[in-house]
Amino acid sequence: MTYQEALAWGRYIDRYGSLHTGRRLEAGSALVALQTHRLGGGMAELLDFMPHEQRLGLSLERAMNEWR
């Protein structure tokens, strides 16, 4: 694999997520669970149903907007 190919795969993974089959299955299942939850009136987020994914930290600007 050339360096350019590795960079291209890195960009793909950054954009679309892991290529790991288990993670892809988890994401699909989480999407179904989220839709079912929201039909019942819930306000959960997708990451609430994905235990192996990590939440990104809040940026200063986003935190300031949420606290206002």
PDB file of N, CA and C in Angstrom:
ATOM      1  N   MET A   1       0.859  -1.164   0.000  1.00  0.00           N
ATOM      2  CA  MET A   1       0.000   0.000   0.000  1.00  0.00           C
ATOM      3  C   MET A   1       0.905   1.226   0.000  1.00  0.00           C
ATOM      4  N   THR A   2       0.615   2.147  -0.867  1.00  0.00           N
ATOM      5  CA  THR A   2       1.408   3.370  -0.929  1.00  0.00           C
ATOM      6  C   THR A   2       0.966   4.333   0.163  1.00  0.00           C
ATOM      7  N   TYR A   3       1.784   5.325   0.387  1.00  0.00           N
ATOM      8  CA  TYR A   3       1.467   6.348   1.383  1.00  0.00           C
ATOM      9  C   TYR A   3       0.184   7.095   1.007  1.00  0.00           C
ATOM     10  N   GLN A   4       0.000   7.363  -0.274  1.00  0.00           N
ATOM     11  CA  GLN A   4      -1.204   8.063  -0.733  1.00  0.00           C
ATOM     12  C   GLN A   4      -2.461   7.230  -0.486  1.00  0.00           C
ATOM     13  N   GLU A   5      -2.360   5.905  -0.705  1.00  0.00           N
ATOM     14  CA  GLU A   5      -3.495   5.023  -0.425  1.00  0.00           C
ATOM     15  C   GLU A   5      -3.832   5.024   1.063  1.00  0.00           C
ATOM     16  N   ALA A   6      -2.805   4.987   1.900  1.00  0.00           N
ATOM     17  CA  ALA A   6      -3.031   5.011   3.350  1.00  0.00           C
ATOM     18  C   ALA A   6      -3.726   6.304   3.762  1.00  0.00           C
ATOM     19  N   LEU A   7      -3.323   7.415   3.186  1.00  0.00           N
ATOM     20  CA  LEU A   7      -3.980   8.693   3.485  1.00  0.00           C
ATOM     21  C   LEU A   7      -5.432   8.685   3.028  1.00  0.00           C
ATOM     22  N   ALA A   8      -5.682   8.105   1.856  1.00  0.00           N
ATOM     23  CA  ALA A   8      -7.054   8.030   1.343  1.00  0.00           C
ATOM     24  C   ALA A   8      -7.922   7.172   2.257  1.00  0.00           C
ATOM     25  N   TRP A   9      -7.400   6.026   2.715  1.00  0.00           N
ATOM     26  CA  TRP A   9      -8.162   5.180   3.639  1.00  0.00           C
ATOM     27  C   TRP A   9      -8.386   5.899   4.964  1.00  0.00           C
ATOM     28  N   GLY A  10      -7.400   6.638   5.416  1.00  0.00           N
ATOM     29  CA  GLY A  10      -7.557   7.406   6.653  1.00  0.00           C
ATOM     30  C   GLY A  10      -8.677   8.425   6.535  1.00  0.00           C
ATOM     31  N   ARG A  11      -8.746   9.112   5.409  1.00  0.00           N
ATOM     32  CA  ARG A  11      -9.828  10.083   5.188  1.00  0.00           C
ATOM     33  C   ARG A  11     -11.183   9.383   5.135  1.00  0.00           C
ATOM     34  N   TYR A  12     -11.226   8.215   4.493  1.00  0.00           N
ATOM     35  CA  TYR A  12     -12.473   7.449   4.409  1.00  0.00           C
ATOM     36  C   TYR A  12     -12.947   7.050   5.804  1.00  0.00           C
ATOM     37  N   ILE A  13     -12.049   6.537   6.618  1.00  0.00           N
ATOM     38  CA  ILE A  13     -12.407   6.107   7.969  1.00  0.00           C
ATOM     39  C   ILE A  13     -12.824   7.296   8.819  1.00  0.00           C
ATOM     40  N   ASP A  14     -12.145   8.434   8.672  1.00  0.00           N
ATOM     41  CA  ASP A  14     -12.548   9.638   9.410  1.00  0.00           C
ATOM     42  C   ASP A  14     -13.959  10.063   9.034  1.00  0.00           C
ATOM     43  N   ARG A  15     -14.294   9.932   7.777  1.00  0.00           N
ATOM     44  CA  ARG A  15     -15.605  10.379   7.308  1.00  0.00           C
ATOM     45  C   ARG A  15     -16.724   9.383   7.615  1.00  0.00           C
ATOM     46  N   TYR A  16     -16.484   8.088   7.405  1.00  0.00           N
ATOM     47  CA  TYR A  16     -17.543   7.085   7.504  1.00  0.00           C
ATOM     48  C   TYR A  16     -17.441   6.169   8.717  1.00  0.00           C
ATOM     49  N   GLY A  17     -16.379   6.276   9.480  1.00  0.00           N
ATOM     50  CA  GLY A  17     -16.240   5.441  10.669  1.00  0.00           C
ATOM     51  C   GLY A  17     -15.446   4.174  10.408  1.00  0.00           C
ATOM     52  N   SER A  18     -15.382   3.369  11.436  1.00  0.00           N
ATOM     53  CA  SER A  18     -14.565   2.157  11.431  1.00  0.00           C
ATOM     54  C   SER A  18     -15.017   1.165  10.359  1.00  0.00           C
ATOM     55  N   LEU A  19     -14.055   0.391   9.870  1.00  0.00           N
ATOM     56  CA  LEU A  19     -14.355  -0.677   8.921  1.00  0.00           C
ATOM     57  C   LEU A  19     -14.640  -1.986   9.651  1.00  0.00           C
ATOM     58  N   HIS A  20     -14.516  -1.981  10.959  1.00  0.00           N
ATOM     59  CA  HIS A  20     -14.725  -3.181  11.778  1.00  0.00           C
ATOM     60  C   HIS A  20     -16.182  -3.621  11.677  1.00  0.00           C
ATOM     61  N   THR A  21     -16.412  -4.882  11.336  1.00  0.00           N
ATOM     62  CA  THR A  21     -17.768  -5.402  11.124  1.00  0.00           C
ATOM     63  C   THR A  21     -18.625  -5.280  12.373  1.00  0.00           C
ATOM     64  N   GLY A  22     -18.036  -5.542  13.529  1.00  0.00           N
ATOM     65  CA  GLY A  22     -18.787  -5.436  14.781  1.00  0.00           C
ATOM     66  C   GLY A  22     -19.264  -4.023  15.045  1.00  0.00           C
ATOM     67  N   ARG A  23     -18.407  -3.047  14.765  1.00  0.00           N
ATOM     68  CA  ARG A  23     -18.796  -1.646  14.963  1.00  0.00           C
ATOM     69  C   ARG A  23     -19.894  -1.239  13.988  1.00  0.00           C
ATOM     70  N   ARG A  24     -19.807  -1.724  12.760  1.00  0.00           N
ATOM     71  CA  ARG A  24     -20.844  -1.428  11.766  1.00  0.00           C
ATOM     72  C   ARG A  24     -22.176  -2.024  12.189  1.00  0.00           C
ATOM     73  N   LEU A  25     -22.153  -3.253  12.699  1.00  0.00           N
ATOM     74  CA  LEU A  25     -23.361  -3.907  13.188  1.00  0.00           C
ATOM     75  C   LEU A  25     -23.927  -3.149  14.382  1.00  0.00           C
ATOM     76  N   GLU A  26     -23.039  -2.701  15.269  1.00  0.00           N
ATOM     77  CA  GLU A  26     -23.471  -1.928  16.430  1.00  0.00           C
ATOM     78  C   GLU A  26     -24.147  -0.623  15.992  1.00  0.00           C
ATOM     79  N   ALA A  27     -23.584   0.039  15.001  1.00  0.00           N
ATOM     80  CA  ALA A  27     -24.157   1.295  14.520  1.00  0.00           C
ATOM     81  C   ALA A  27     -25.542   1.074  13.912  1.00  0.00           C
ATOM     82  N   GLY A  28     -25.704   0.020  13.138  1.00  0.00           N
ATOM     83  CA  GLY A  28     -27.010  -0.279  12.546  1.00  0.00           C
ATOM     84  C   GLY A  28     -28.044  -0.618  13.597  1.00  0.00           C
ATOM     85  N   SER A  29     -27.649  -1.423  14.571  1.00  0.00           N
ATOM     86  CA  SER A  29     -28.564  -1.782  15.658  1.00  0.00           C
ATOM     87  C   SER A  29     -28.923  -0.559  16.488  1.00  0.00           C
ATOM     88  N   ALA A  30     -27.950   0.308  16.709  1.00  0.00           N
ATOM     89  CA  ALA A  30     -28.205   1.527  17.475  1.00  0.00           C
ATOM     90  C   ALA A  30     -29.196   2.428  16.747  1.00  0.00           C
ATOM     91  N   LEU A  31     -29.108   2.483  15.434  1.00  0.00           N
ATOM     92  CA  LEU A  31     -30.040   3.302  14.662  1.00  0.00           C
ATOM     93  C   LEU A  31     -31.467   2.786  14.797  1.00  0.00           C
ATOM     94  N   VAL A  32     -31.643   1.473  14.742  1.00  0.00           N
ATOM     95  CA  VAL A  32     -32.971   0.878  14.923  1.00  0.00           C
ATOM     96  C   VAL A  32     -33.477   1.156  16.336  1.00  0.00           C
ATOM     97  N   ALA A  33     -32.608   0.988  17.339  1.00  0.00           N
ATOM     98  CA  ALA A  33     -33.000   1.230  18.730  1.00  0.00           C
ATOM     99  C   ALA A  33     -33.373   2.694  18.945  1.00  0.00           C
ATOM    100  N   LEU A  34     -32.636   3.607  18.324  1.00  0.00           N
ATOM    101  CA  LEU A  34     -32.930   5.032  18.463  1.00  0.00           C
ATOM    102  C   LEU A  34     -34.295   5.374  17.877  1.00  0.00           C
ATOM    103  N   GLN A  35     -34.582   4.860  16.699  1.00  0.00           N
ATOM    104  CA  GLN A  35     -35.872   5.143  16.072  1.00  0.00           C
ATOM    105  C   GLN A  35     -37.020   4.576  16.894  1.00  0.00           C
ATOM    106  N   THR A  36     -36.842   3.373  17.429  1.00  0.00           N
ATOM    107  CA  THR A  36     -37.868   2.767  18.277  1.00  0.00           C
ATOM    108  C   THR A  36     -38.072   3.600  19.534  1.00  0.00           C
ATOM    109  N   HIS A  37     -36.973   4.048  20.113  1.00  0.00           N
ATOM    110  CA  HIS A  37     -37.039   4.867  21.326  1.00  0.00           C
ATOM    111  C   HIS A  37     -37.751   6.195  21.054  1.00  0.00           C
ATOM    112  N   ARG A  38     -37.421   6.819  19.933  1.00  0.00           N
ATOM    113  CA  ARG A  38     -38.042   8.114  19.609  1.00  0.00           C
ATOM    114  C   ARG A  38     -39.520   7.972  19.275  1.00  0.00           C
ATOM    115  N   LEU A  39     -39.929   6.837  18.707  1.00  0.00           N
ATOM    116  CA  LEU A  39     -41.355   6.608  18.459  1.00  0.00           C
ATOM    117  C   LEU A  39     -42.137   6.596  19.763  1.00  0.00           C
ATOM    118  N   GLY A  40     -41.470   6.175  20.835  1.00  0.00           N
ATOM    119  CA  GLY A  40     -42.092   6.155  22.150  1.00  0.00           C
ATOM    120  C   GLY A  40     -41.987   7.481  22.873  1.00  0.00           C
ATOM    121  N   GLY A  41     -41.436   8.496  22.226  1.00  0.00           N
ATOM    122  CA  GLY A  41     -41.347   9.825  22.816  1.00  0.00           C
ATOM    123  C   GLY A  41     -40.033  10.118  23.513  1.00  0.00           C
ATOM    124  N   GLY A  42     -39.056   9.253  23.384  1.00  0.00           N
ATOM    125  CA  GLY A  42     -37.766   9.459  24.037  1.00  0.00           C
ATOM    126  C   GLY A  42     -36.916  10.500  23.325  1.00  0.00           C
ATOM    127  N   MET A  43     -35.944  11.025  24.037  1.00  0.00           N
ATOM    128  CA  MET A  43     -35.066  12.061  23.486  1.00  0.00           C
ATOM    129  C   MET A  43     -33.598  11.627  23.510  1.00  0.00           C
ATOM    130  N   ALA A  44     -33.335  10.342  23.416  1.00  0.00           N
ATOM    131  CA  ALA A  44     -31.960   9.838  23.452  1.00  0.00           C
ATOM    132  C   ALA A  44     -31.214  10.223  22.175  1.00  0.00           C
ATOM    133  N   GLU A  45     -29.901  10.096  22.234  1.00  0.00           N
ATOM    134  CA  GLU A  45     -29.052  10.326  21.075  1.00  0.00           C
ATOM    135  C   GLU A  45     -28.517   8.984  20.583  1.00  0.00           C
ATOM    136  N   LEU A  46     -28.040   8.954  19.368  1.00  0.00           N
ATOM    137  CA  LEU A  46     -27.540   7.715  18.774  1.00  0.00           C
ATOM    138  C   LEU A  46     -26.440   7.086  19.630  1.00  0.00           C
ATOM    139  N   LEU A  47     -25.542   7.898  20.149  1.00  0.00           N
ATOM    140  CA  LEU A  47     -24.429   7.365  20.931  1.00  0.00           C
ATOM    141  C   LEU A  47     -24.879   6.723  22.235  1.00  0.00           C
ATOM    142  N   ASP A  48     -26.091   7.012  22.690  1.00  0.00           N
ATOM    143  CA  ASP A  48     -26.612   6.362  23.891  1.00  0.00           C
ATOM    144  C   ASP A  48     -26.797   4.866  23.674  1.00  0.00           C
ATOM    145  N   PHE A  49     -26.932   4.441  22.450  1.00  0.00           N
ATOM    146  CA  PHE A  49     -27.143   3.034  22.117  1.00  0.00           C
ATOM    147  C   PHE A  49     -25.886   2.376  21.542  1.00  0.00           C
ATOM    148  N   MET A  50     -24.761   3.070  21.603  1.00  0.00           N
ATOM    149  CA  MET A  50     -23.498   2.550  21.071  1.00  0.00           C
ATOM    150  C   MET A  50     -22.447   2.543  22.182  1.00  0.00           C
ATOM    151  N   PRO A  51     -22.392   1.484  22.984  1.00  0.00           N
ATOM    152  CA  PRO A  51     -21.497   1.476  24.143  1.00  0.00           C
ATOM    153  C   PRO A  51     -20.004   1.502  23.805  1.00  0.00           C
ATOM    154  N   HIS A  52     -19.612   1.138  22.609  1.00  0.00           N
ATOM    155  CA  HIS A  52     -18.191   1.111  22.271  1.00  0.00           C
ATOM    156  C   HIS A  52     -17.699   2.405  21.628  1.00  0.00           C
ATOM    157  N   GLU A  53     -18.590   3.328  21.354  1.00  0.00           N
ATOM    158  CA  GLU A  53     -18.184   4.613  20.782  1.00  0.00           C
ATOM    159  C   GLU A  53     -17.964   5.618  21.902  1.00  0.00           C
ATOM    160  N   GLN A  54     -17.040   6.542  21.670  1.00  0.00           N
ATOM    161  CA  GLN A  54     -16.762   7.570  22.668  1.00  0.00           C
ATOM    162  C   GLN A  54     -17.362   8.887  22.206  1.00  0.00           C
ATOM    163  N   ARG A  55     -17.907   9.607  23.164  1.00  0.00           N
ATOM    164  CA  ARG A  55     -18.455  10.926  22.858  1.00  0.00           C
ATOM    165  C   ARG A  55     -17.311  11.926  22.713  1.00  0.00           C
ATOM    166  N   LEU A  56     -17.481  12.830  21.776  1.00  0.00           N
ATOM    167  CA  LEU A  56     -16.500  13.893  21.619  1.00  0.00           C
ATOM    168  C   LEU A  56     -16.749  14.944  22.685  1.00  0.00           C
ATOM    169  N   GLY A  57     -15.696  15.571  23.148  1.00  0.00           N
ATOM    170  CA  GLY A  57     -15.838  16.630  24.135  1.00  0.00           C
ATOM    171  C   GLY A  57     -16.480  17.860  23.514  1.00  0.00           C
ATOM    172  N   LEU A  58     -17.052  18.696  24.359  1.00  0.00           N
ATOM    173  CA  LEU A  58     -17.676  19.925  23.880  1.00  0.00           C
ATOM    174  C   LEU A  58     -16.612  20.963  23.561  1.00  0.00           C
ATOM    175  N   SER A  59     -16.816  21.694  22.503  1.00  0.00           N
ATOM    176  CA  SER A  59     -15.936  22.818  22.232  1.00  0.00           C
ATOM    177  C   SER A  59     -16.370  23.977  23.125  1.00  0.00           C
ATOM    178  N   LEU A  60     -15.498  24.911  23.322  1.00  0.00           N
ATOM    179  CA  LEU A  60     -15.807  26.052  24.181  1.00  0.00           C
ATOM    180  C   LEU A  60     -17.012  26.819  23.648  1.00  0.00           C
ATOM    181  N   GLU A  61     -17.080  27.022  22.334  1.00  0.00           N
ATOM    182  CA  GLU A  61     -18.187  27.779  21.750  1.00  0.00           C
ATOM    183  C   GLU A  61     -19.516  27.052  21.948  1.00  0.00           C
ATOM    184  N   ARG A  62     -19.519  25.753  21.727  1.00  0.00           N
ATOM    185  CA  ARG A  62     -20.758  24.987  21.880  1.00  0.00           C
ATOM    186  C   ARG A  62     -21.208  24.973  23.341  1.00  0.00           C
ATOM    187  N   ALA A  63     -20.267  24.822  24.251  1.00  0.00           N
ATOM    188  CA  ALA A  63     -20.605  24.828  25.672  1.00  0.00           C
ATOM    189  C   ALA A  63     -21.195  26.174  26.075  1.00  0.00           C
ATOM    190  N   MET A  64     -20.612  27.256  25.601  1.00  0.00           N
ATOM    191  CA  MET A  64     -21.114  28.596  25.949  1.00  0.00           C
ATOM    192  C   MET A  64     -22.525  28.784  25.399  1.00  0.00           C
ATOM    193  N   ASN A  65     -22.792  28.302  24.174  1.00  0.00           N
ATOM    194  CA  ASN A  65     -24.127  28.425  23.591  1.00  0.00           C
ATOM    195  C   ASN A  65     -25.148  27.594  24.347  1.00  0.00           C
ATOM    196  N   GLU A  66     -24.758  26.408  24.815  1.00  0.00           N
ATOM    197  CA  GLU A  66     -25.694  25.559  25.548  1.00  0.00           C
ATOM    198  C   GLU A  66     -25.984  26.099  26.939  1.00  0.00           C
ATOM    199  N   TRP A  67     -25.049  26.811  27.530  1.00  0.00           N
ATOM    200  CA  TRP A  67     -25.235  27.323  28.889  1.00  0.00           C
ATOM    201  C   TRP A  67     -26.035  28.612  28.922  1.00  0.00           C
ATOM    202  N   ARG A  68     -26.255  29.233  27.793  1.00  0.00           N
ATOM    203  CA  ARG A  68     -26.995  30.511  27.771  1.00  0.00           C
ATOM    204  C   ARG A  68     -28.460  30.289  27.876  1.00  0.00           C
TER     205      ARG A  68
END
